[in-house]
């Protein structure tokens, strides 16, 4: 897992009650097991062993492996969206925010192929992950439309194009079938699909990605907003 995301996933969460701490511990253990074994082959027993608890303790918090996947999905979605938003601070242009988001997910597949594939496997088992991410992508889409950078026939069609293309691009990169410019090239194509002229889409997509700020500068969890990706 890329360092810029790992610290947020594994960091201690002060102020939680014992039951809440145990639940977080189990979700973190599940991420490790899903990452090494894949969601389909992982078992509740393995999650319990990695967490250092009994199988019964896992079932006290989650009824099924699908419930565990939902917990994993919510933590990963919160981490990804929040860190991407933190890197977008000061970016007011909807098109650039969209390009940053698109490229960061493809960057994830480049930096950690196994982790990216696990993320997509979990999203299939727990659609909550994609639904949470969707809110922030939709906000950037609406901002781009409001700023007249995007012209789309419907939000639903645009969202399907973005989500489907980004997930396929992540697979392409994770399996080593694309160059290092793939994220920018996919971003260019998607900005074109959202209505931008070719030259403008390429210019925005090929801007340098903003860095993730250090965790110590963003320790307090960001409140979820409907107007930005968090």
Protein backbone atom coordinates (compact mmCIF):
# COMPACT_ATOMS: atom_id res chain seq x y z
CA UNK A 1 0.00 0.00 0.00
CA UNK A 2 1.41 3.45 -0.86
CA UNK A 3 2.86 5.19 2.19
CA UNK A 4 0.66 8.25 1.65
CA UNK A 5 -2.41 6.06 2.25
CA UNK A 6 -1.04 3.40 4.59
CA UNK A 7 -0.46 5.75 7.50
CA UNK A 8 -4.10 6.80 7.42
CA UNK A 9 -5.37 3.19 7.25
CA UNK A 10 -3.20 1.84 10.07
CA UNK A 11 -3.09 4.87 12.37
CA UNK A 12 -4.48 4.60 15.90
CA UNK A 13 -7.90 6.14 16.44
CA UNK A 14 -7.97 7.72 19.91
CA UNK A 15 -11.17 8.20 21.86
CA UNK A 16 -12.94 5.05 20.71
CA UNK A 17 -14.75 2.76 23.12
CA UNK A 18 -13.35 -0.76 23.55
CA UNK A 19 -15.93 -2.33 21.22
CA UNK A 20 -15.22 0.29 18.55
CA UNK A 21 -11.47 -0.24 18.88
CA UNK A 22 -11.93 -3.98 18.42
CA UNK A 23 -14.04 -3.44 15.33
CA UNK A 24 -11.40 -1.19 13.78
CA UNK A 25 -8.74 -3.77 14.66
CA UNK A 26 -10.75 -6.46 12.88
CA UNK A 27 -11.25 -4.30 9.79
CA UNK A 28 -7.52 -3.55 9.65
CA UNK A 29 -6.76 -7.27 9.98
CA UNK A 30 -9.22 -8.01 7.18
CA UNK A 31 -7.46 -5.51 4.91
CA UNK A 32 -4.20 -7.38 5.48
CA UNK A 33 -5.81 -10.76 4.78
CA UNK A 34 -7.74 -9.59 1.73
CA UNK A 35 -4.59 -7.91 0.42
CA UNK A 36 -2.47 -11.07 0.70
CA UNK A 37 -5.07 -13.76 -0.02
CA UNK A 38 -7.73 -11.97 -2.01
CA UNK A 39 -11.28 -11.51 -0.79
CA UNK A 40 -12.62 -14.75 -2.28
CA UNK A 41 -10.03 -17.00 -0.58
CA UNK A 42 -9.93 -15.19 2.77
CA UNK A 43 -11.63 -16.75 5.79
CA UNK A 44 -13.01 -15.43 9.06
CA UNK A 45 -10.51 -17.69 10.86
CA UNK A 46 -7.59 -16.00 9.11
CA UNK A 47 -8.92 -12.56 9.96
CA UNK A 48 -9.24 -13.57 13.62
CA UNK A 49 -5.69 -14.94 13.65
CA UNK A 50 -4.20 -11.77 12.17
CA UNK A 51 -6.18 -9.62 14.61
CA UNK A 52 -5.07 -11.80 17.54
CA UNK A 53 -8.61 -12.62 18.66
CA UNK A 54 -10.92 -15.62 18.61
CA UNK A 55 -13.23 -16.41 15.71
CA UNK A 56 -16.12 -15.78 18.07
CA UNK A 57 -14.93 -12.21 18.58
CA UNK A 58 -15.13 -11.60 14.83
CA UNK A 59 -18.69 -12.92 14.77
CA UNK A 60 -19.59 -10.64 17.67
CA UNK A 61 -18.96 -7.73 15.31
CA UNK A 62 -19.70 -9.14 11.85
CA UNK A 63 -22.27 -11.78 10.93
CA UNK A 64 -20.64 -12.78 7.64
CA UNK A 65 -17.54 -12.20 5.54
CA UNK A 66 -19.67 -9.87 3.41
CA UNK A 67 -20.26 -7.75 6.52
CA UNK A 68 -16.50 -7.64 7.07
CA UNK A 69 -16.09 -6.51 3.46
CA UNK A 70 -18.52 -3.66 4.09
CA UNK A 71 -16.43 -2.53 7.04
CA UNK A 72 -13.30 -2.69 4.90
CA UNK A 73 -15.05 -0.80 2.09
CA UNK A 74 -16.07 2.06 4.37
CA UNK A 75 -12.58 2.46 5.84
CA UNK A 76 -10.87 2.33 2.45
CA UNK A 77 -13.35 4.71 0.83
CA UNK A 78 -12.97 7.19 3.69
CA UNK A 79 -9.17 6.98 3.48
CA UNK A 80 -8.95 7.34 -0.30
CA UNK A 81 -11.49 10.13 -0.60
CA UNK A 82 -10.18 12.10 2.37
CA UNK A 83 -6.56 11.93 1.25
CA UNK A 84 -7.43 12.87 -2.32
CA UNK A 85 -9.43 15.85 -1.08
CA UNK A 86 -6.57 16.93 1.17
CA UNK A 87 -4.31 16.97 -1.89
CA UNK A 88 -6.87 19.07 -3.78
CA UNK A 89 -6.88 21.95 -1.30
CA UNK A 90 -6.74 25.22 -3.20
CA UNK A 91 -7.88 23.64 -6.48
CA UNK A 92 -11.08 25.44 -7.45
CA UNK A 93 -11.40 24.20 -11.03
CA UNK A 94 -13.82 21.28 -11.36
CA UNK A 95 -11.99 19.86 -14.38
CA UNK A 96 -8.66 19.76 -12.56
CA UNK A 97 -10.23 18.23 -9.46
CA UNK A 98 -11.74 15.53 -11.67
CA UNK A 99 -8.39 14.90 -13.34
CA UNK A 100 -6.65 14.59 -9.98
CA UNK A 101 -9.20 12.08 -8.71
CA UNK A 102 -9.07 9.96 -11.86
CA UNK A 103 -5.29 9.87 -11.87
CA UNK A 104 -4.94 9.07 -8.17
CA UNK A 105 -6.91 5.84 -8.49
CA UNK A 106 -4.83 4.80 -11.49
CA UNK A 107 -1.70 5.86 -9.59
CA UNK A 108 -2.78 3.51 -6.82
CA UNK A 109 -2.77 0.60 -9.28
CA UNK A 110 0.71 1.59 -10.44
CA UNK A 111 2.13 1.95 -6.93
CA UNK A 112 0.45 -1.11 -5.40
CA UNK A 113 -1.14 -3.43 -7.99
CA UNK A 114 -2.15 -6.10 -5.49
CA UNK A 115 -3.80 -3.58 -3.21
CA UNK A 116 -5.67 -1.95 -6.09
CA UNK A 117 -6.99 -5.31 -7.29
CA UNK A 118 -8.09 -6.12 -3.74
CA UNK A 119 -9.90 -2.78 -3.59
CA UNK A 120 -11.88 -3.62 -6.71
CA UNK A 121 -12.63 -7.13 -5.46
CA UNK A 122 -13.98 -5.70 -2.19
CA UNK A 123 -16.03 -3.10 -4.08
CA UNK A 124 -17.78 -5.92 -5.95
CA UNK A 125 -18.67 -7.60 -2.63
CA UNK A 126 -19.51 -4.31 -0.88
CA UNK A 127 -20.96 -1.68 -3.26
CA UNK A 128 -20.91 0.77 -0.36
CA UNK A 129 -17.31 1.56 -1.29
CA UNK A 130 -18.22 2.81 -4.75
CA UNK A 131 -21.31 4.60 -3.47
CA UNK A 132 -19.28 6.60 -0.97
CA UNK A 133 -16.67 7.50 -3.58
CA UNK A 134 -19.46 8.37 -6.02
CA UNK A 135 -20.64 11.33 -3.91
CA UNK A 136 -17.33 13.12 -4.31
CA UNK A 137 -16.87 12.34 -8.00
CA UNK A 138 -20.39 13.63 -8.60
CA UNK A 139 -19.59 16.85 -6.74
CA UNK A 140 -16.61 17.50 -9.02
CA UNK A 141 -18.73 16.67 -12.07
CA UNK A 142 -21.37 19.18 -11.00
CA UNK A 143 -18.73 21.79 -10.32
CA UNK A 144 -17.31 21.32 -13.80
CA UNK A 145 -20.78 21.65 -15.31
CA UNK A 146 -21.47 24.78 -13.28
CA UNK A 147 -18.18 26.29 -14.47
CA UNK A 148 -19.16 25.37 -18.06
CA UNK A 149 -16.09 23.17 -18.49
CA UNK A 150 -18.26 20.02 -18.85
CA UNK A 151 -21.30 19.36 -21.02
CA UNK A 152 -22.97 16.01 -20.43
CA UNK A 153 -26.32 14.51 -21.52
CA UNK A 154 -26.99 13.22 -17.99
CA UNK A 155 -25.16 12.81 -14.69
CA UNK A 156 -25.89 9.08 -14.69
CA UNK A 157 -24.30 8.56 -18.11
CA UNK A 158 -21.26 10.64 -17.16
CA UNK A 159 -20.80 8.77 -13.87
CA UNK A 160 -21.00 5.39 -15.60
CA UNK A 161 -18.36 6.50 -18.09
CA UNK A 162 -16.03 7.73 -15.35
CA UNK A 163 -16.44 4.77 -13.00
CA UNK A 164 -16.21 2.10 -15.68
CA UNK A 165 -13.20 3.68 -17.38
CA UNK A 166 -11.25 4.26 -14.15
CA UNK A 167 -11.81 0.71 -12.89
CA UNK A 168 -10.70 -0.77 -16.22
CA UNK A 169 -7.68 1.53 -16.31
CA UNK A 170 -6.73 0.36 -12.80
CA UNK A 171 -6.84 -3.25 -14.00
CA UNK A 172 -4.80 -2.41 -17.10
CA UNK A 173 -2.10 -0.74 -15.01
CA UNK A 174 -2.16 -3.37 -12.23
CA UNK A 175 -1.50 -6.10 -14.80
CA UNK A 176 1.37 -4.12 -16.35
CA UNK A 177 -0.33 -3.48 -19.68
CA UNK A 178 0.13 0.28 -19.91
CA UNK A 179 2.81 2.96 -19.83
CA UNK A 180 3.49 5.37 -16.99
CA UNK A 181 1.43 8.02 -18.80
CA UNK A 182 -1.72 5.92 -18.77
CA UNK A 183 -3.37 7.87 -15.95
CA UNK A 184 -2.92 11.16 -17.77
CA UNK A 185 -4.04 9.69 -21.07
CA UNK A 186 -7.18 8.16 -19.55
CA UNK A 187 -7.87 11.44 -17.78
CA UNK A 188 -7.55 13.28 -21.09
CA UNK A 189 -10.04 10.91 -22.74
CA UNK A 190 -12.51 11.25 -19.89
CA UNK A 191 -12.31 15.05 -19.81
CA UNK A 192 -12.97 14.95 -23.57
CA UNK A 193 -15.93 12.67 -22.92
CA UNK A 194 -17.24 15.20 -20.41
CA UNK A 195 -17.28 17.86 -23.10
CA UNK A 196 -13.91 19.59 -23.00
CA UNK A 197 -12.00 20.47 -26.16
CA UNK A 198 -9.01 18.27 -26.88
CA UNK A 199 -6.30 20.85 -26.20
CA UNK A 200 -7.92 22.01 -22.96
CA UNK A 201 -8.50 18.43 -21.74
CA UNK A 202 -4.89 17.45 -22.40
CA UNK A 203 -3.55 20.61 -20.76
CA UNK A 204 -5.52 19.94 -17.56
CA UNK A 205 -4.78 16.20 -17.50
CA UNK A 206 -1.04 16.68 -17.89
CA UNK A 207 -0.64 19.16 -15.03
CA UNK A 208 1.54 17.80 -12.19
CA UNK A 209 -0.42 15.97 -9.50
CA UNK A 210 -0.45 17.82 -6.17
CA UNK A 211 1.33 16.00 -3.35
CA UNK A 212 -0.47 14.44 -0.42
CA UNK A 213 0.06 16.64 2.65
CA UNK A 214 1.82 15.01 5.63
CA UNK A 215 -0.53 13.18 7.98
CA UNK A 216 0.48 15.31 10.97
CA UNK A 217 -1.00 18.32 9.14
CA UNK A 218 -4.30 16.52 8.56
CA UNK A 219 -4.72 14.44 11.68
CA UNK A 220 -8.27 15.57 12.39
CA UNK A 221 -10.76 13.62 10.22
CA UNK A 222 -12.37 15.84 7.62
CA UNK A 223 -16.11 16.21 7.82
CA UNK A 224 -17.87 14.62 4.88
CA UNK A 225 -19.07 17.17 2.36
CA UNK A 226 -21.37 16.76 -0.59
CA UNK A 227 -19.52 19.35 -2.64
CA UNK A 228 -16.06 17.82 -2.59
CA UNK A 229 -14.36 14.43 -2.68
CA UNK A 230 -13.11 13.50 0.86
